[in-house]
Amino acid sequence: MLHAFAETGAALDLYRQALDMACEIGYRRGEAFVLTHMAYALAGERDPSTGARTRLAEAEAAFRRALAIRTEISPDSGLPMDDLAGLSRVALLASDAPAALAYAEEVLAWVDAHGTAGLELPGLAYLICYQALYAAGDGRAEAILQKGRDYVLQSARSADDAQRRMFLEQVPWNRDLLSGVSFPD
């Protein structure tokens, strides 16, 4: 997720170029992949003078488009869950805790039934689900936070020291899961 490590405007430019290429060659899986990442970048965009989120509607539309494509081409995979988690994040950013919880419930039900295999960003999905549960006052929030922490730590086990440190400390959602969760504002 380029925008998590770089300036959002530059990331959006690159995502648009990649989206154009994927559409031009008819690569639907790539189109959905780019839309998902572009949607996260759009959700993070703020007005420089007010700090207000300015592109939540665009982020929601991109997540919905990616979700439709992924559901069409891989209905039994975990990939649509990344977009449902993204829709939960957009709802959280829009202060719509009930909608955020509804999306998170879908993700958690899928993970309970199938595990995290197939999700592109399971750590981020766990973080968002925790945030949605917490915002709704759901008592399962702490258990989901712990599952997210366990997932991240287990995922880091096979890496060498430098890779492990980077994975745990430089990936924002992994860092948030492990060292005090941040909430979208």
Protein backbone atom coordinates (compact mmCIF):
# COMPACT_ATOMS: atom_id res chain seq x y z
CA MET A 1 0.00 0.00 0.00
CA LEU A 2 2.11 2.77 -1.39
CA HIS A 3 0.13 5.57 0.24
CA ALA A 4 0.93 4.21 3.71
CA PHE A 5 4.62 4.86 3.06
CA ALA A 6 4.54 7.84 0.69
CA GLU A 7 2.69 11.04 -0.04
CA THR A 8 -0.96 10.34 -0.81
CA GLY A 9 -1.14 12.56 -3.90
CA ALA A 10 1.80 10.80 -5.55
CA ALA A 11 0.36 7.42 -4.60
CA LEU A 12 -3.00 8.31 -6.15
CA ASP A 13 -1.28 9.33 -9.39
CA LEU A 14 0.49 5.98 -9.57
CA TYR A 15 -2.71 4.10 -8.70
CA ARG A 16 -4.57 5.90 -11.51
CA GLN A 17 -1.86 4.95 -14.00
CA ALA A 18 -1.95 1.33 -12.85
CA LEU A 19 -5.75 1.29 -12.99
CA ASP A 20 -5.71 2.65 -16.54
CA MET A 21 -3.25 -0.07 -17.59
CA ALA A 22 -5.22 -2.86 -15.92
CA CYS A 23 -8.45 -1.69 -17.58
CA GLU A 24 -6.74 -1.24 -20.95
CA ILE A 25 -5.52 -4.84 -21.03
CA GLY A 26 -8.66 -6.27 -19.41
CA TYR A 27 -6.89 -7.50 -16.28
CA ARG A 28 -9.85 -7.55 -13.87
CA ARG A 29 -7.94 -9.01 -10.92
CA GLY A 30 -5.36 -6.22 -11.27
CA GLU A 31 -8.13 -3.64 -11.60
CA ALA A 32 -9.66 -4.79 -8.31
CA PHE A 33 -6.25 -4.84 -6.62
CA VAL A 34 -5.50 -1.27 -7.65
CA LEU A 35 -9.01 -0.07 -6.75
CA THR A 36 -8.66 -1.47 -3.24
CA HIS A 37 -5.35 0.28 -2.64
CA MET A 38 -6.56 3.47 -4.30
CA ALA A 39 -9.63 3.44 -2.05
CA TYR A 40 -7.48 3.28 1.08
CA ALA A 41 -5.47 6.25 -0.19
CA LEU A 42 -8.65 8.19 -0.99
CA ALA A 43 -10.02 7.48 2.48
CA GLY A 44 -6.87 8.95 3.99
CA GLU A 45 -6.86 12.16 1.96
CA ARG A 46 -7.45 15.32 4.02
CA ASP A 47 -8.07 18.97 3.31
CA PRO A 48 -4.76 20.67 4.20
CA SER A 49 -6.43 23.67 5.86
CA THR A 50 -9.13 21.88 7.88
CA GLY A 51 -7.83 18.35 8.23
CA ALA A 52 -11.24 17.04 7.18
CA ARG A 53 -11.49 13.85 5.16
CA THR A 54 -12.43 15.00 1.68
CA ARG A 55 -12.76 11.89 -0.47
CA LEU A 56 -14.73 9.33 1.52
CA ALA A 57 -17.45 9.03 -1.14
CA GLU A 58 -14.80 8.29 -3.78
CA ALA A 59 -13.15 5.77 -1.47
CA GLU A 60 -16.47 4.05 -0.85
CA ALA A 61 -17.20 3.88 -4.59
CA ALA A 62 -13.75 2.41 -5.31
CA PHE A 63 -14.14 -0.21 -2.55
CA ARG A 64 -17.58 -1.14 -3.89
CA ARG A 65 -16.25 -1.46 -7.45
CA ALA A 66 -13.35 -3.63 -6.29
CA LEU A 67 -15.71 -5.72 -4.17
CA ALA A 68 -18.00 -6.33 -7.16
CA ILE A 69 -15.08 -7.41 -9.35
CA ARG A 70 -13.55 -9.66 -6.71
CA THR A 71 -16.89 -11.23 -5.86
CA GLU A 72 -17.47 -11.91 -9.55
CA ILE A 73 -14.08 -13.44 -10.35
CA SER A 74 -13.21 -15.08 -6.99
CA PRO A 75 -16.43 -15.49 -5.00
CA ASP A 76 -14.98 -18.17 -2.71
CA SER A 77 -11.71 -16.39 -1.95
CA GLY A 78 -10.88 -14.05 0.88
CA LEU A 79 -10.13 -11.14 -1.44
CA PRO A 80 -13.58 -9.53 -1.14
CA MET A 81 -12.98 -9.34 2.62
CA ASP A 82 -10.28 -6.73 2.09
CA ASP A 83 -12.86 -4.48 0.46
CA LEU A 84 -15.47 -5.13 3.14
CA ALA A 85 -12.84 -4.15 5.71
CA GLY A 86 -12.19 -1.02 3.67
CA LEU A 87 -15.89 -0.17 3.65
CA SER A 88 -15.86 -0.60 7.42
CA ARG A 89 -12.98 1.87 7.62
CA VAL A 90 -14.84 4.39 5.47
CA ALA A 91 -17.90 4.02 7.72
CA LEU A 92 -15.71 4.56 10.80
CA LEU A 93 -14.21 7.69 9.25
CA ALA A 94 -17.74 8.92 8.51
CA SER A 95 -18.71 8.28 12.16
CA ASP A 96 -21.18 5.56 11.17
CA ALA A 97 -20.42 2.92 13.80
CA PRO A 98 -23.43 0.69 12.94
CA ALA A 99 -22.40 0.43 9.27
CA ALA A 100 -18.76 -0.12 10.24
CA LEU A 101 -19.84 -2.94 12.56
CA ALA A 102 -22.01 -4.56 9.87
CA TYR A 103 -19.09 -4.71 7.43
CA ALA A 104 -16.72 -5.92 10.15
CA GLU A 105 -19.20 -8.67 11.07
CA GLU A 106 -19.05 -9.98 7.49
CA VAL A 107 -15.26 -10.03 7.54
CA LEU A 108 -15.11 -11.73 10.93
CA ALA A 109 -17.67 -14.36 9.94
CA TRP A 110 -15.61 -15.20 6.85
CA VAL A 111 -12.37 -15.36 8.84
CA ASP A 112 -14.03 -17.56 11.47
CA ALA A 113 -15.14 -19.97 8.75
CA HIS A 114 -12.06 -19.89 6.49
CA GLY A 115 -9.14 -18.32 8.33
CA THR A 116 -7.04 -15.51 6.91
CA ALA A 117 -5.78 -17.37 3.84
CA GLY A 118 -6.78 -15.43 0.78
CA LEU A 119 -6.97 -12.04 2.45
CA GLU A 120 -4.43 -9.66 0.99
CA LEU A 121 -4.14 -7.55 4.13
CA PRO A 122 -5.23 -9.66 7.11
CA GLY A 123 -3.46 -7.50 9.69
CA LEU A 124 -5.23 -4.40 8.43
CA ALA A 125 -8.55 -6.28 8.36
CA TYR A 126 -8.07 -7.30 12.00
CA LEU A 127 -7.22 -3.72 12.98
CA ILE A 128 -10.28 -2.30 11.24
CA CYS A 129 -12.56 -4.98 12.69
CA TYR A 130 -11.22 -4.23 16.16
CA GLN A 131 -11.84 -0.52 15.64
CA ALA A 132 -15.40 -1.16 14.42
CA LEU A 133 -16.18 -3.44 17.37
CA TYR A 134 -14.66 -0.96 19.79
CA ALA A 135 -16.61 1.97 18.28
CA ALA A 136 -19.82 -0.03 18.65
CA GLY A 137 -19.05 -0.96 22.25
CA ASP A 138 -18.93 -4.64 21.30
CA GLY A 139 -17.37 -6.82 23.97
CA ARG A 140 -15.51 -8.90 21.37
CA ALA A 141 -13.17 -6.02 20.53
CA GLU A 142 -10.30 -7.08 22.79
CA ALA A 143 -10.43 -10.70 21.58
CA ILE A 144 -10.20 -9.54 17.94
CA LEU A 145 -7.33 -7.22 18.82
CA GLN A 146 -5.52 -10.19 20.35
CA LYS A 147 -6.22 -12.33 17.26
CA GLY A 148 -4.75 -9.56 15.12
CA ARG A 149 -1.66 -9.36 17.32
CA ASP A 150 -1.25 -13.13 17.22
CA TYR A 151 -1.58 -13.12 13.43
CA VAL A 152 1.08 -10.43 13.00
CA LEU A 153 3.52 -12.10 15.39
CA GLN A 154 3.01 -15.51 13.77
CA SER A 155 3.52 -14.01 10.32
CA ALA A 156 6.81 -12.45 11.40
CA ARG A 157 8.28 -15.66 12.82
CA SER A 158 9.85 -16.98 9.63
CA ALA A 159 11.54 -13.70 8.65
CA ASP A 160 15.12 -12.83 9.45
CA ASP A 161 15.72 -10.14 12.08
CA ALA A 162 15.83 -7.19 9.67
CA GLN A 163 12.70 -8.30 7.79
CA ARG A 164 10.87 -9.03 11.04
CA ARG A 165 11.70 -5.60 12.45
CA MET A 166 10.54 -3.92 9.27
CA PHE A 167 7.30 -5.96 9.17
CA LEU A 168 6.50 -5.27 12.81
CA GLU A 169 7.66 -1.65 13.06
CA GLN A 170 7.27 -0.12 9.61
CA VAL A 171 3.95 -1.53 8.43
CA PRO A 172 1.54 0.96 10.04
CA TRP A 173 -1.31 -1.45 10.83
CA ASN A 174 1.04 -4.05 12.28
CA ARG A 175 2.65 -1.39 14.44
CA ASP A 176 -0.80 -0.19 15.56
CA LEU A 177 -1.93 -3.70 16.45
CA LEU A 178 1.18 -4.34 18.52
CA SER A 179 1.90 -1.03 20.21
CA GLY A 180 -1.32 0.68 21.11
CA VAL A 181 -4.04 0.91 18.56
CA SER A 182 -4.67 4.17 16.80
CA PHE A 183 -8.16 5.11 15.72
CA PRO A 184 -9.24 6.85 12.55
CA ASP A 185 -10.14 10.48 13.15
